[in-house]
Amino acid sequence: MNITVSILAEIPEELYDSVSRYLDSHADWDQDRLFSAAVSLFLLQNGGCDRHAAQVYLDSLFKQPA
């Protein structure tokens, strides 16, 4: 069973603008998918490497558009 948890975070406006531009030009991505991929990749690159983070990253990266 997949459980999803919502996170509220403040980010710099410049980062928000970059995210918005990326999402506007990549219709198959949404904000949830983008942040899941980004956080899981950060954990993989910075020592939080476990199977769950790797699986979330791969699932986010290779998810087929609905």
Protein backbone atom coordinates (compact mmCIF):
# COMPACT_ATOMS: atom_id res chain seq x y z
CA MET A 1 0.00 0.00 0.00
CA ASN A 2 1.32 3.44 -0.99
CA ILE A 3 0.80 6.14 1.64
CA THR A 4 1.26 9.77 0.64
CA VAL A 5 2.13 12.56 3.07
CA SER A 6 1.70 16.25 2.22
CA ILE A 7 4.49 18.71 3.00
CA LEU A 8 4.19 22.48 3.16
CA ALA A 9 7.50 24.20 2.46
CA GLU A 10 8.62 27.72 1.71
CA ILE A 11 11.04 28.03 -1.22
CA PRO A 12 12.75 31.06 -2.74
CA GLU A 13 10.72 32.82 -5.41
CA GLU A 14 13.44 32.20 -7.99
CA LEU A 15 13.20 28.44 -7.39
CA TYR A 16 9.41 28.59 -7.60
CA ASP A 17 9.69 30.43 -10.93
CA SER A 18 12.07 27.77 -12.25
CA VAL A 19 9.75 24.98 -11.13
CA SER A 20 6.78 26.71 -12.73
CA ARG A 21 8.61 27.18 -16.04
CA TYR A 22 9.70 23.54 -16.03
CA LEU A 23 6.19 22.28 -15.33
CA ASP A 24 4.72 24.58 -17.99
CA SER A 25 7.02 23.07 -20.62
CA HIS A 26 6.76 19.42 -19.47
CA ALA A 27 3.10 18.48 -19.43
CA ASP A 28 3.78 14.91 -18.27
CA TRP A 29 5.26 16.17 -14.96
CA ASP A 30 3.37 17.67 -12.01
CA GLN A 31 4.55 19.35 -8.83
CA ASP A 32 4.20 16.21 -6.70
CA ARG A 33 6.20 14.09 -9.13
CA LEU A 34 8.90 16.75 -9.45
CA PHE A 35 9.38 17.17 -5.71
CA SER A 36 9.33 13.41 -5.07
CA ALA A 37 12.07 12.96 -7.66
CA ALA A 38 14.09 15.89 -6.29
CA VAL A 39 13.92 14.87 -2.62
CA SER A 40 14.63 11.21 -3.28
CA LEU A 41 17.61 12.10 -5.53
CA PHE A 42 18.95 14.43 -2.81
CA LEU A 43 18.75 11.61 -0.27
CA LEU A 44 20.47 9.17 -2.63
CA GLN A 45 23.30 11.61 -3.32
CA ASN A 46 23.79 12.64 0.30
CA GLY A 47 23.97 9.40 2.20
CA GLY A 48 20.30 8.71 2.81
CA CYS A 49 20.55 5.81 0.39
CA ASP A 50 18.06 3.09 1.06
CA ARG A 51 15.88 0.97 -1.18
CA HIS A 52 12.79 3.06 -0.50
CA ALA A 53 14.40 6.35 -1.61
CA ALA A 54 15.82 4.64 -4.68
CA GLN A 55 12.44 3.14 -5.56
CA VAL A 56 10.64 6.49 -5.16
CA TYR A 57 13.26 8.15 -7.36
CA LEU A 58 12.97 5.54 -10.11
CA ASP A 59 9.18 5.50 -9.93
CA SER A 60 9.08 9.30 -10.18
CA LEU A 61 11.60 9.46 -12.98
CA PHE A 62 10.06 6.79 -15.19
CA LYS A 63 6.37 7.29 -14.46
CA GLN A 64 4.35 7.15 -17.64
CA PRO A 65 1.90 10.01 -18.24
CA ALA A 66 -1.71 9.13 -17.51
